[in-house]
N, C-alpha and C. Protein backbone atom coordinates (compact mmCIF):
# COMPACT_ATOMS: atom_id res chain seq x y z
N MET A 1 4.71 -1.09 -10.26
CA MET A 1 6.16 -1.28 -9.66
C MET A 1 6.63 -3.06 -9.04
N ARG A 2 8.28 -2.93 -8.85
CA ARG A 2 8.65 -4.17 -8.95
C ARG A 2 8.87 -4.64 -7.39
N VAL A 3 8.80 -4.97 -6.87
CA VAL A 3 8.83 -5.61 -5.28
C VAL A 3 9.73 -6.65 -4.96
N GLN A 4 10.85 -6.48 -4.66
CA GLN A 4 12.31 -7.03 -4.16
C GLN A 4 11.57 -7.72 -3.02
N HIS A 5 11.68 -9.03 -2.86
CA HIS A 5 11.44 -9.61 -1.30
C HIS A 5 12.70 -10.02 -0.12
N SER A 6 13.55 -9.25 -0.48
CA SER A 6 14.82 -9.06 0.39
C SER A 6 14.58 -7.85 1.08
N SER A 7 13.77 -6.88 0.84
CA SER A 7 13.65 -5.51 1.45
C SER A 7 12.39 -5.41 2.29
N THR A 8 12.59 -4.29 2.99
CA THR A 8 11.46 -3.93 3.45
C THR A 8 11.35 -2.29 2.82
N LEU A 9 9.65 -2.49 2.48
CA LEU A 9 9.20 -1.13 1.64
C LEU A 9 8.97 -0.57 2.92
N THR A 10 9.11 0.89 2.40
CA THR A 10 9.11 2.25 3.50
C THR A 10 7.51 2.32 3.28
N VAL A 11 7.57 3.21 4.13
CA VAL A 11 6.14 4.32 4.37
C VAL A 11 5.88 5.10 3.20
N PRO A 12 7.11 5.61 3.06
CA PRO A 12 6.91 6.65 1.80
C PRO A 12 7.02 5.96 0.24
N TYR A 13 7.38 4.71 0.00
CA TYR A 13 7.17 3.74 -0.97
C TYR A 13 5.64 3.68 -0.96
N PHE A 14 4.63 2.94 -0.10
CA PHE A 14 3.35 3.05 0.09
C PHE A 14 2.52 3.94 -0.17
N LEU A 15 3.38 5.19 0.29
CA LEU A 15 2.13 6.93 -0.19
C LEU A 15 2.43 6.82 -1.43
N SER A 16 3.73 6.51 -2.30
CA SER A 16 3.68 6.70 -3.65
C SER A 16 3.09 5.83 -4.28
N TYR A 17 3.05 4.71 -3.99
CA TYR A 17 2.13 3.65 -4.83
C TYR A 17 0.67 3.93 -4.76
N ALA A 18 0.39 4.25 -3.65
CA ALA A 18 -1.10 4.68 -3.68
C ALA A 18 -1.52 6.11 -4.23
N GLN A 19 -0.36 7.08 -4.07
CA GLN A 19 -1.13 8.06 -4.76
C GLN A 19 -0.73 8.06 -6.57
N LEU A 20 -0.80 7.03 -6.63
CA LEU A 20 -0.31 6.64 -8.29
C LEU A 20 -1.52 6.11 -8.38
N VAL A 21 -1.67 5.13 -7.68
CA VAL A 21 -3.19 3.82 -8.01
C VAL A 21 -4.29 4.79 -7.88
N MET A 22 -4.22 6.00 -6.96
CA MET A 22 -5.34 6.98 -6.67
C MET A 22 -5.30 7.59 -8.14
N LYS A 23 -4.73 8.40 -8.30
CA LYS A 23 -4.78 9.14 -9.65
C LYS A 23 -5.15 8.51 -10.92
N SER A 24 -4.39 6.79 -11.29
CA SER A 24 -4.51 6.45 -12.32
C SER A 24 -6.06 5.87 -12.21
N ARG A 25 -6.40 5.35 -11.27
CA ARG A 25 -7.99 4.75 -10.85
C ARG A 25 -8.87 5.80 -10.72
N GLU A 26 -8.46 6.88 -10.09
CA GLU A 26 -9.78 8.04 -9.80
C GLU A 26 -10.43 7.41 -8.29
N LEU A 27 -9.83 6.86 -7.72
CA LEU A 27 -10.62 5.96 -5.94
C LEU A 27 -10.35 7.13 -4.83
N SER A 28 -11.19 6.62 -4.14
CA SER A 28 -11.21 7.32 -2.58
C SER A 28 -10.28 6.51 -1.98
N VAL A 29 -9.97 7.06 -1.01
CA VAL A 29 -8.78 6.32 0.03
C VAL A 29 -9.02 5.08 0.21
N GLU A 30 -10.35 4.94 0.65
CA GLU A 30 -10.94 3.85 1.15
C GLU A 30 -10.78 2.86 -0.03
N GLU A 31 -11.38 3.03 -0.93
CA GLU A 31 -11.23 2.71 -2.15
C GLU A 31 -9.89 1.83 -3.00
N LYS A 32 -8.74 3.09 -2.35
CA LYS A 32 -7.86 2.42 -2.72
C LYS A 32 -7.18 1.68 -2.10
N LYS A 33 -7.21 1.86 -0.64
CA LYS A 33 -7.14 0.71 0.29
C LYS A 33 -6.99 -0.37 -0.23
N GLN A 34 -8.57 -0.55 -0.30
CA GLN A 34 -8.85 -2.45 -0.80
C GLN A 34 -8.54 -2.37 -1.93
N PHE A 35 -8.51 -2.26 -3.35
CA PHE A 35 -7.66 -2.19 -4.18
C PHE A 35 -6.21 -2.44 -3.87
N ILE A 36 -5.73 -2.20 -3.48
CA ILE A 36 -4.32 -2.22 -2.82
C ILE A 36 -4.19 -4.00 -2.29
N GLU A 37 -4.73 -3.69 -1.51
CA GLU A 37 -4.99 -4.86 -0.17
C GLU A 37 -5.20 -6.30 -1.48
N GLU A 38 -5.85 -5.87 -2.53
CA GLU A 38 -6.45 -7.00 -3.26
C GLU A 38 -5.52 -7.06 -4.58
N PHE A 39 -4.70 -6.64 -5.02
CA PHE A 39 -3.95 -6.54 -6.32
C PHE A 39 -2.53 -6.31 -5.93
N PHE A 40 -1.85 -5.74 -4.79
CA PHE A 40 -0.53 -5.46 -4.25
C PHE A 40 -0.43 -6.84 -3.71
N PHE A 41 -1.40 -7.38 -2.34
CA PHE A 41 -0.84 -7.85 -1.30
C PHE A 41 -1.68 -9.57 -1.91
N LYS A 42 -2.62 -9.44 -2.70
CA LYS A 42 -2.84 -10.64 -3.39
C LYS A 42 -3.81 -11.05 -2.41
N GLY A 43 -4.42 -10.48 -1.90
CA GLY A 43 -5.78 -11.17 -1.04
C GLY A 43 -4.67 -11.31 0.38
N ASP A 44 -3.47 -11.78 0.76
CA ASP A 44 -2.58 -12.15 1.83
C ASP A 44 -2.73 -11.20 2.36
N PRO A 45 -2.77 -10.32 3.38
CA PRO A 45 -2.18 -9.14 3.94
C PRO A 45 -0.59 -9.20 4.41
N PHE A 46 0.09 -10.72 4.93
CA PHE A 46 0.85 -10.78 5.39
C PHE A 46 1.75 -11.49 4.15
N VAL A 47 1.56 -11.82 2.94
CA VAL A 47 2.53 -12.13 1.85
C VAL A 47 3.85 -11.58 1.96
N TYR A 48 4.10 -10.60 1.82
CA TYR A 48 5.36 -9.73 2.08
C TYR A 48 6.09 -9.67 3.82
N GLY A 49 4.88 -10.07 4.66
CA GLY A 49 5.50 -10.42 5.44
C GLY A 49 4.99 -9.28 7.05
N LYS A 50 5.59 -9.16 8.12
CA LYS A 50 4.89 -8.51 9.11
C LYS A 50 4.77 -7.31 8.59
N ALA A 51 6.25 -6.70 8.79
CA ALA A 51 7.52 -5.26 8.87
C ALA A 51 6.63 -4.68 7.52
N ILE A 52 6.66 -5.41 6.37
CA ILE A 52 5.65 -4.59 5.20
C ILE A 52 3.99 -4.17 5.38
N ARG A 53 3.43 -5.17 6.28
CA ARG A 53 2.61 -4.74 6.41
C ARG A 53 2.35 -3.70 7.22
N GLN A 54 2.85 -3.88 8.25
CA GLN A 54 2.87 -2.20 9.32
C GLN A 54 3.31 -1.37 8.36
N GLN A 55 3.93 -1.39 7.22
CA GLN A 55 4.79 0.16 6.86
C GLN A 55 3.26 0.32 5.85
N PHE A 56 2.85 -0.31 4.98
CA PHE A 56 1.47 -0.32 4.34
C PHE A 56 0.63 0.54 5.43
N LEU A 57 0.00 -0.24 6.53
CA LEU A 57 -0.73 0.30 7.48
C LEU A 57 -0.37 1.62 7.86
N GLN A 58 0.94 2.32 8.40
CA GLN A 58 1.30 3.33 8.85
C GLN A 58 0.87 4.48 7.53
N ALA A 59 1.28 3.85 6.62
CA ALA A 59 1.13 5.16 5.18
C ALA A 59 -0.59 4.97 5.06
N MET A 60 -1.51 4.06 5.09
CA MET A 60 -2.96 4.11 4.64
C MET A 60 -3.15 5.50 6.23
N ALA A 61 -2.69 5.16 7.02
CA ALA A 61 -3.20 5.71 8.39
C ALA A 61 -2.95 7.08 7.69
N GLU A 62 -1.61 7.41 7.00
CA GLU A 62 -1.02 9.18 7.13
C GLU A 62 -1.93 9.53 6.16
N LEU A 63 -2.35 9.23 4.97
CA LEU A 63 -3.40 8.98 3.87
C LEU A 63 -4.61 9.56 4.63
N HIS A 64 -5.27 8.91 5.48
CA HIS A 64 -6.03 8.95 6.27
C HIS A 64 -6.57 10.51 6.83
N GLU A 65 -5.52 11.27 7.09
CA GLU A 65 -4.97 12.13 8.08
C GLU A 65 -4.47 13.30 6.89
N GLN A 66 -4.58 13.16 6.01
CA GLN A 66 -4.45 14.52 5.25
C GLN A 66 -5.68 14.50 4.55
């Protein structure tokens, strides 16, 4: 998935991305979060800004509730 630096990624975007990662790599929810932290955010949680980070955290919270 390509990331445009000029737009804010949404919770549904991260939910879809997380589901794709989980299916393709057969990871648990916690392993998926760690993988996305390292791969998508390149180890820097704020590489795309605070707004995108907040959307990601909200999406991860929703996944934990499911």
